[in-house]
Amino acid sequence: MFSLSNSQYTCQDYISDHIWKTSSH
């Protein structure tokens, strides 16, 4: 696991990654 507050992973990145994963199915 990773900490959102302790990384450069932003909400936008999270959403984009989620969309990419869901659309790749």
C-alpha atoms as a PDB file:
ATOM      1  CA  MET A   1       0.000   0.000   0.000  1.00  0.00           C
ATOM      2  CA  PHE A   2       0.987   3.610  -0.312  1.00  0.00           C
ATOM      3  CA  SER A   3       0.118   6.869   1.372  1.00  0.00           C
ATOM      4  CA  LEU A   4      -1.565   9.473  -0.812  1.00  0.00           C
ATOM      5  CA  SER A   5      -0.331  12.255   1.421  1.00  0.00           C
ATOM      6  CA  ASN A   6       3.204  10.921   1.226  1.00  0.00           C
ATOM      7  CA  SER A   7       3.504  10.668  -2.536  1.00  0.00           C
ATOM      8  CA  GLN A   8       3.047  12.666  -5.707  1.00  0.00           C
ATOM      9  CA  TYR A   9      -0.016  10.591  -6.476  1.00  0.00           C
ATOM     10  CA  THR A  10      -2.824  13.110  -6.818  1.00  0.00           C
ATOM     11  CA  CYS A  11      -6.575  12.625  -6.947  1.00  0.00           C
ATOM     12  CA  GLN A  12      -6.464  13.204 -10.687  1.00  0.00           C
ATOM     13  CA  ASP A  13      -3.871  10.481 -11.076  1.00  0.00           C
ATOM     14  CA  TYR A  14      -5.986   8.173  -8.953  1.00  0.00           C
ATOM     15  CA  ILE A  15      -9.083   8.831 -11.055  1.00  0.00           C
ATOM     16  CA  SER A  16      -7.189   8.497 -14.318  1.00  0.00           C
ATOM     17  CA  ASP A  17      -5.619   5.249 -13.168  1.00  0.00           C
ATOM     18  CA  HIS A  18      -8.995   3.930 -12.052  1.00  0.00           C
ATOM     19  CA  ILE A  19     -10.592   4.819 -15.394  1.00  0.00           C
ATOM     20  CA  TRP A  20      -7.687   3.224 -17.262  1.00  0.00           C
ATOM     21  CA  LYS A  21      -8.001   0.002 -15.266  1.00  0.00           C
ATOM     22  CA  THR A  22     -11.770  -0.197 -15.613  1.00  0.00           C
ATOM     23  CA  SER A  23     -11.710   0.599 -19.329  1.00  0.00           C
ATOM     24  CA  SER A  24      -8.966  -1.950 -19.983  1.00  0.00           C
ATOM     25  CA  HIS A  25     -11.331  -4.778 -19.100  1.00  0.00           C
END
